[in-house]
Structures are given as structure tokens and as C-alpha cells.
N, C-alpha and C. Protein backbone atom coordinates (compact mmCIF):
# COMPACT_ATOMS: atom_id res chain seq x y z
N MET A 1 -21.72 -2.74 1.08
CA MET A 1 -20.52 -2.07 -0.01
C MET A 1 -20.57 -2.73 -1.11
N GLN A 2 -20.99 -2.40 -2.49
CA GLN A 2 -20.83 -2.91 -3.49
C GLN A 2 -19.70 -3.55 -4.54
N ALA A 3 -18.45 -2.75 -4.41
CA ALA A 3 -17.36 -3.11 -5.19
C ALA A 3 -16.32 -2.30 -4.40
N PHE A 4 -15.25 -3.16 -4.36
CA PHE A 4 -13.86 -2.41 -3.65
C PHE A 4 -13.39 -1.03 -3.91
N GLU A 5 -13.81 -0.49 -5.43
CA GLU A 5 -13.44 0.41 -5.87
C GLU A 5 -14.23 1.36 -5.03
N GLN A 6 -14.77 1.29 -4.61
CA GLN A 6 -16.01 2.27 -3.20
C GLN A 6 -14.88 2.50 -1.96
N LEU A 7 -13.80 1.67 -1.94
CA LEU A 7 -13.37 1.85 -0.42
C LEU A 7 -12.24 2.59 -0.30
N ASP A 8 -12.42 3.93 0.50
CA ASP A 8 -11.02 5.10 0.70
C ASP A 8 -9.72 4.21 0.50
N VAL A 9 -9.38 3.39 1.04
CA VAL A 9 -8.01 3.09 1.44
C VAL A 9 -7.70 2.14 -0.10
N TRP A 10 -8.57 1.35 -0.59
CA TRP A 10 -8.20 1.24 -1.83
C TRP A 10 -7.80 2.60 -2.83
N LYS A 11 -8.99 3.38 -2.87
CA LYS A 11 -8.41 4.59 -3.87
C LYS A 11 -7.47 4.90 -3.44
N ARG A 12 -6.55 5.46 -1.97
CA ARG A 12 -5.58 6.05 -1.58
C ARG A 12 -4.65 5.32 -2.13
N GLY A 13 -4.81 3.70 -2.17
CA GLY A 13 -3.52 2.83 -2.38
C GLY A 13 -3.18 3.12 -3.81
N CYS A 14 -4.14 3.36 -4.69
CA CYS A 14 -4.03 3.45 -6.15
C CYS A 14 -3.21 4.57 -6.34
N ARG A 15 -3.71 5.59 -5.95
CA ARG A 15 -3.22 7.26 -6.08
C ARG A 15 -1.65 6.81 -5.55
N LEU A 16 -1.33 6.13 -4.13
CA LEU A 16 -0.01 6.41 -3.91
C LEU A 16 0.63 5.77 -5.28
N SER A 17 0.29 4.79 -5.58
CA SER A 17 1.17 3.81 -6.55
C SER A 17 1.15 4.80 -7.73
N ALA A 18 0.27 5.66 -8.07
CA ALA A 18 0.29 6.18 -9.72
C ALA A 18 1.17 7.48 -9.05
N ASP A 19 1.17 7.89 -7.97
CA ASP A 19 2.31 9.13 -7.86
C ASP A 19 3.74 8.56 -7.78
N LEU A 20 3.97 7.27 -6.92
CA LEU A 20 5.45 6.69 -6.74
C LEU A 20 5.63 6.28 -8.05
N TYR A 21 5.03 6.11 -9.59
CA TYR A 21 5.72 5.64 -10.78
C TYR A 21 6.09 7.03 -11.45
N SER A 22 4.94 7.98 -11.16
CA SER A 22 5.22 9.52 -11.81
C SER A 22 6.51 9.93 -11.22
N ARG A 23 6.59 9.93 -10.01
CA ARG A 23 7.51 10.62 -9.24
C ARG A 23 9.19 10.11 -9.53
N LEU A 24 9.17 8.82 -9.80
CA LEU A 24 10.38 7.90 -9.75
C LEU A 24 10.73 7.71 -10.78
N GLU A 25 10.28 8.44 -11.77
CA GLU A 25 10.49 8.07 -13.81
C GLU A 25 12.13 8.59 -13.49
N SER A 26 12.67 9.31 -12.79
CA SER A 26 13.96 9.63 -13.42
C SER A 26 14.75 9.25 -12.40
N CYS A 27 14.56 8.04 -11.32
CA CYS A 27 15.35 7.66 -10.27
C CYS A 27 16.65 6.45 -10.88
N LYS A 28 17.54 6.85 -10.53
CA LYS A 28 18.92 5.95 -11.71
C LYS A 28 18.91 4.70 -10.85
N ASN A 29 18.25 4.48 -9.84
CA ASN A 29 18.80 3.13 -9.14
C ASN A 29 17.42 2.19 -9.46
N LEU A 30 17.35 1.66 -10.99
CA LEU A 30 16.41 0.97 -11.45
C LEU A 30 15.97 -0.41 -10.75
N ASN A 31 16.80 -1.01 -9.52
CA ASN A 31 16.06 -1.77 -8.68
C ASN A 31 15.42 -1.15 -7.69
N LEU A 32 16.05 -0.38 -6.99
CA LEU A 32 14.91 0.04 -6.25
C LEU A 32 14.19 0.52 -6.73
N LYS A 33 13.86 1.36 -7.74
CA LYS A 33 12.72 1.95 -8.59
C LYS A 33 11.95 1.00 -8.64
N ASP A 34 11.86 -0.10 -9.21
CA ASP A 34 11.30 -1.51 -9.56
C ASP A 34 11.06 -2.10 -7.97
N GLN A 35 11.68 -2.32 -7.22
CA GLN A 35 10.93 -2.62 -6.00
C GLN A 35 10.16 -1.73 -5.25
N ILE A 36 10.21 -0.26 -5.12
CA ILE A 36 9.26 0.45 -4.62
C ILE A 36 7.64 0.63 -5.84
N CYS A 37 8.03 0.50 -6.62
CA CYS A 37 6.75 0.23 -7.62
C CYS A 37 5.89 -1.03 -7.31
N ARG A 38 6.82 -2.08 -7.03
CA ARG A 38 6.02 -3.49 -7.06
C ARG A 38 5.34 -3.18 -5.77
N SER A 39 6.19 -2.56 -4.69
CA SER A 39 5.27 -2.65 -2.93
C SER A 39 3.97 -1.92 -3.43
N ALA A 40 4.35 -0.72 -4.10
CA ALA A 40 3.13 0.55 -3.84
C ALA A 40 1.89 -0.11 -4.41
N LEU A 41 2.47 -0.91 -5.41
CA LEU A 41 1.32 -1.56 -6.64
C LEU A 41 0.76 -2.84 -5.56
N SER A 42 1.41 -3.75 -4.78
CA SER A 42 0.67 -4.50 -3.77
C SER A 42 -0.51 -3.94 -3.24
N ILE A 43 0.11 -2.97 -2.54
CA ILE A 43 -1.12 -2.46 -1.82
C ILE A 43 -2.72 -2.52 -2.07
N PRO A 44 -3.15 -1.50 -3.01
CA PRO A 44 -4.46 -1.90 -3.52
C PRO A 44 -4.41 -2.96 -4.37
N SER A 45 -3.76 -3.83 -4.83
CA SER A 45 -4.08 -4.96 -5.42
C SER A 45 -4.39 -6.07 -4.43
N ASN A 46 -3.99 -6.03 -3.65
CA ASN A 46 -4.22 -6.85 -2.36
C ASN A 46 -5.32 -7.00 -2.14
N ILE A 47 -5.91 -5.53 -2.10
CA ILE A 47 -7.31 -4.65 -1.39
C ILE A 47 -8.13 -5.71 -2.29
N ALA A 48 -7.86 -5.41 -3.63
CA ALA A 48 -8.91 -5.88 -4.61
C ALA A 48 -9.06 -7.50 -4.60
N GLU A 49 -7.96 -7.93 -4.27
CA GLU A 49 -7.96 -9.35 -4.73
C GLU A 49 -9.08 -9.99 -3.82
N GLY A 50 -8.65 -9.71 -2.22
CA GLY A 50 -9.31 -10.62 -1.12
C GLY A 50 -10.66 -9.87 -1.29
N TYR A 51 -11.06 -9.06 -1.62
CA TYR A 51 -12.36 -8.43 -1.86
C TYR A 51 -13.06 -9.29 -2.73
N GLU A 52 -12.40 -9.33 -3.59
CA GLU A 52 -13.35 -10.22 -5.03
C GLU A 52 -13.18 -12.08 -4.49
N ARG A 53 -12.96 -12.36 -3.49
CA ARG A 53 -13.20 -13.62 -2.60
C ARG A 53 -14.13 -14.37 -2.24
N ASN A 54 -14.86 -12.87 -2.05
CA ASN A 54 -16.52 -13.19 -1.69
C ASN A 54 -15.90 -14.08 -0.08
N SER A 55 -14.84 -13.89 0.78
CA SER A 55 -14.68 -14.49 1.91
C SER A 55 -14.54 -13.49 2.97
N SER A 56 -15.23 -13.25 4.00
CA SER A 56 -14.37 -12.49 4.78
C SER A 56 -12.67 -13.14 5.60
N ARG A 57 -12.65 -13.93 5.90
CA ARG A 57 -11.35 -14.54 6.24
C ARG A 57 -10.66 -14.18 5.25
N GLU A 58 -10.83 -14.42 3.85
CA GLU A 58 -9.46 -14.22 2.94
C GLU A 58 -9.35 -12.85 2.77
N PHE A 59 -10.32 -11.97 2.95
CA PHE A 59 -10.64 -10.67 2.45
C PHE A 59 -9.50 -9.79 4.06
N ALA A 60 -9.70 -11.02 5.06
CA ALA A 60 -8.53 -10.10 6.11
C ALA A 60 -7.48 -10.21 6.10
N ARG A 61 -7.12 -11.98 5.28
CA ARG A 61 -6.02 -12.24 4.78
C ARG A 61 -4.98 -11.60 3.82
N SER A 62 -6.13 -11.14 3.01
CA SER A 62 -5.55 -9.87 2.07
C SER A 62 -5.20 -8.36 2.37
N LEU A 63 -6.05 -8.15 3.48
CA LEU A 63 -5.77 -7.21 3.55
C LEU A 63 -4.46 -6.92 4.70
N LYS A 64 -4.31 -8.03 5.39
CA LYS A 64 -2.86 -7.80 5.86
C LYS A 64 -1.85 -8.07 5.26
N ILE A 65 -1.77 -8.69 4.17
CA ILE A 65 -0.38 -8.79 3.13
C ILE A 65 -0.57 -7.11 2.61
N ALA A 66 -1.73 -6.79 2.22
CA ALA A 66 -1.67 -5.38 1.79
C ALA A 66 -0.94 -4.29 2.91
N LYS A 67 -1.29 -4.71 3.84
CA LYS A 67 -0.35 -3.53 4.96
C LYS A 67 1.09 -4.42 5.27
N GLY A 68 1.33 -5.40 5.32
CA GLY A 68 2.78 -5.57 4.54
C GLY A 68 3.55 -4.92 4.02
N SER A 69 2.72 -4.84 2.69
CA SER A 69 3.40 -4.30 1.72
C SER A 69 3.48 -2.54 1.93
N CYS A 70 2.38 -2.13 3.15
CA CYS A 70 2.64 -0.92 3.43
C CYS A 70 4.26 -0.46 4.17
N GLY A 71 4.44 -1.50 5.19
CA GLY A 71 6.03 -1.67 5.97
C GLY A 71 7.19 -1.92 4.66
N GLU A 72 6.74 -2.62 3.73
CA GLU A 72 7.81 -2.85 3.03
C GLU A 72 8.10 -1.52 2.10
N LEU A 73 7.18 -1.12 1.49
CA LEU A 73 7.62 0.10 1.00
C LEU A 73 7.47 1.34 1.81
N ARG A 74 7.40 1.19 2.97
CA ARG A 74 8.03 2.61 3.96
C ARG A 74 9.67 2.25 4.15
N THR A 75 9.95 0.97 4.55
CA THR A 75 11.39 0.41 4.74
C THR A 75 11.94 0.75 3.05
N GLN A 76 11.72 0.66 1.92
CA GLN A 76 11.99 0.94 0.86
C GLN A 76 12.91 2.60 0.39
N LEU A 77 11.80 2.96 1.08
CA LEU A 77 11.89 4.71 0.65
C LEU A 77 12.78 5.34 1.91
N TYR A 78 12.82 4.72 3.13
CA TYR A 78 13.68 5.37 4.23
C TYR A 78 15.30 4.96 3.41
N ILE A 79 15.46 3.72 2.95
CA ILE A 79 16.50 3.27 2.34
C ILE A 79 17.00 4.22 1.41
N GLY A 80 15.87 4.49 0.07
CA GLY A 80 16.41 5.49 -0.87
C GLY A 80 16.72 6.51 -0.21
N ILE A 81 16.30 7.12 0.74
CA ILE A 81 16.55 8.72 1.03
C ILE A 81 17.96 8.17 1.42
N GLU A 82 18.19 7.46 2.45
CA GLU A 82 19.60 7.14 2.79
C GLU A 82 20.85 6.99 1.64
N ALA A 83 20.31 6.37 0.99
CA ALA A 83 21.35 5.92 -0.62
C ALA A 83 21.41 7.24 -1.14
N GLY A 84 20.68 7.91 -1.15
CA GLY A 84 20.58 9.40 -1.56
C GLY A 84 19.99 9.11 -3.44
N PHE A 85 19.06 8.32 -3.32
CA PHE A 85 18.19 8.14 -4.54
C PHE A 85 16.88 8.83 -4.82
N LEU A 86 16.69 9.23 -3.35
CA LEU A 86 15.31 9.98 -3.26
C LEU A 86 15.28 11.19 -2.49
N ASP A 87 14.60 12.08 -3.28
CA ASP A 87 14.83 13.73 -2.12
C ASP A 87 13.48 13.24 -0.93
N LYS A 88 14.43 13.87 0.46
CA LYS A 88 13.84 13.11 1.21
C LYS A 88 12.77 13.88 1.64
N ALA A 89 12.11 15.60 1.49
CA ALA A 89 10.93 16.13 1.74
C ALA A 89 10.14 14.99 0.77
N GLN A 90 10.01 14.46 -0.30
CA GLN A 90 9.15 14.03 -1.16
C GLN A 90 8.71 12.58 -0.19
N ALA A 91 9.81 11.94 -0.27
CA ALA A 91 9.87 10.39 -0.02
C ALA A 91 8.99 10.74 1.77
N MET A 92 9.87 11.87 2.14
CA MET A 92 8.54 11.84 3.43
C MET A 92 7.02 11.97 3.84
N LYS A 93 6.90 12.82 2.49
CA LYS A 93 5.38 12.59 2.45
C LYS A 93 4.81 11.33 1.64
N PHE A 94 5.37 10.45 1.16
CA PHE A 94 5.16 9.27 0.76
C PHE A 94 5.07 8.32 2.07
N ILE A 95 6.09 8.64 2.65
CA ILE A 95 5.77 7.51 3.72
C ILE A 95 4.97 8.02 5.20
N GLN A 96 4.56 9.28 4.84
CA GLN A 96 3.07 9.95 5.89
C GLN A 96 2.08 9.09 5.38
N GLU A 97 1.90 8.88 3.78
CA GLU A 97 0.84 8.37 3.10
C GLU A 97 0.94 6.84 3.55
N THR A 98 1.88 6.04 3.30
CA THR A 98 1.96 4.57 3.96
C THR A 98 1.34 4.80 5.05
N GLU A 99 1.74 5.18 6.26
CA GLU A 99 1.70 5.11 7.63
C GLU A 99 0.10 5.49 7.55
N GLU A 100 -0.64 6.47 6.89
CA GLU A 100 -1.99 6.68 7.14
C GLU A 100 -2.52 5.29 6.68
N ILE A 101 -2.53 4.89 5.44
CA ILE A 101 -3.14 3.75 4.62
C ILE A 101 -3.23 2.35 5.73
N SER A 102 -1.64 2.62 6.42
CA SER A 102 -1.81 1.31 7.23
C SER A 102 -2.51 1.65 8.10
N LYS A 103 -2.97 2.45 8.77
CA LYS A 103 -3.86 2.67 9.88
C LYS A 103 -5.20 2.19 9.32
N MET A 104 -5.88 3.12 8.49
CA MET A 104 -6.73 2.54 7.78
C MET A 104 -7.17 1.03 7.39
N LEU A 105 -6.01 0.39 7.16
CA LEU A 105 -6.09 -1.23 6.37
C LEU A 105 -6.46 -1.34 7.70
N GLN A 106 -5.57 -1.16 8.85
CA GLN A 106 -6.03 -2.17 10.33
C GLN A 106 -7.15 -2.03 10.79
N GLY A 107 -7.89 -0.37 10.66
CA GLY A 107 -8.72 -0.53 11.27
C GLY A 107 -10.55 -1.77 10.36
N LEU A 108 -10.03 -1.84 8.58
CA LEU A 108 -10.72 -2.36 8.19
C LEU A 108 -10.44 -4.11 8.65
N ILE A 109 -9.11 -4.60 8.93
CA ILE A 109 -8.88 -5.71 9.34
C ILE A 109 -9.84 -6.00 10.45
N THR A 110 -9.59 -5.00 11.47
CA THR A 110 -10.15 -5.46 12.57
C THR A 110 -12.06 -5.69 12.70
N LYS A 111 -12.93 -4.53 11.33
CA LYS A 111 -13.79 -4.92 11.28
C LYS A 111 -14.09 -5.85 10.57
N VAL A 112 -13.17 -6.38 9.48
CA VAL A 112 -13.53 -7.06 8.93
C VAL A 112 -13.57 -8.95 9.62
N SER A 113 -12.56 -8.89 10.54
CA SER A 113 -12.19 -9.69 11.47
C SER A 113 -13.30 -10.19 12.17
N THR A 114 -14.11 -9.18 12.67
CA THR A 114 -14.72 -9.48 13.64
C THR A 114 -15.90 -10.03 12.93
N LYS A 115 -15.89 -9.25 11.73
CA LYS A 115 -17.40 -10.17 11.05
C LYS A 115 -17.50 -11.70 10.55
N ALA A 116 -15.85 -12.16 10.21
CA ALA A 116 -15.47 -13.26 10.19
C ALA A 116 -15.89 -14.19 11.29
N ARG A 117 -15.58 -13.86 12.18
CA ARG A 117 -16.20 -14.70 13.57
C ARG A 117 -17.22 -15.23 13.85
N VAL A 118 -18.13 -14.02 13.23
CA VAL A 118 -19.84 -14.29 14.00
C VAL A 118 -20.49 -15.26 13.20
């Protein structure tokens, strides 16, 4: 692999972040909107940062942080639904995407961690 831009998980993280930015444009709770967008942006950003460090250990660490951001984002989406700030059907699609990205990250973490031990 030549660049993090080739990683499907990075591409999906970027798409999720951009989709959330555009969908939340009309969200009335600016604090929640800001926190959701920060969490979403953290996912592909940490993937890229870790990859660019040229160390399997650092990459695995950054992937774990990105995975944590998926959980953080998912929690914020659930809270947004419960508080009535987010459309439930749309938020559930985003939640499903965070679950899939999280699984992809776990697979990559396992692969990179195994490589780091060798």
C-alpha cells in the first residue's frame, strides 16, 4: 500500500464525516452538532495520522483511537435521537455505518498489530 488514501476504511470515514456535516447543517443544538462533527472527523484523521508515522505500532495505536471515535460518535447519535435533535431513521443509518467502520478498523488493527509483533 502506497498511501492511506487507498484504504477503504479511510474513504468511508471521510464520506461519513462529510455526510454528517451536510445533514446536520440545520441541527438546532450547536454543541451537539459540533461534537458529532468532531468525532466523525476524528475517524479518518486518526487513520491518516497513524499511517503517516511509518510505524506499525503507531498506526495500530491511531487505529484504536479512530475506533474509539466511532463509539463516541455512535453514542452522540443515540443521544441526539433521544433528545429529539436528530431524525431517527437518518441517524440509524449513520449508526450502522459507524458499526461497519468499527469492524473494518478492528480487522486492520489485528492485521497491523500482528505485523508489529513480527
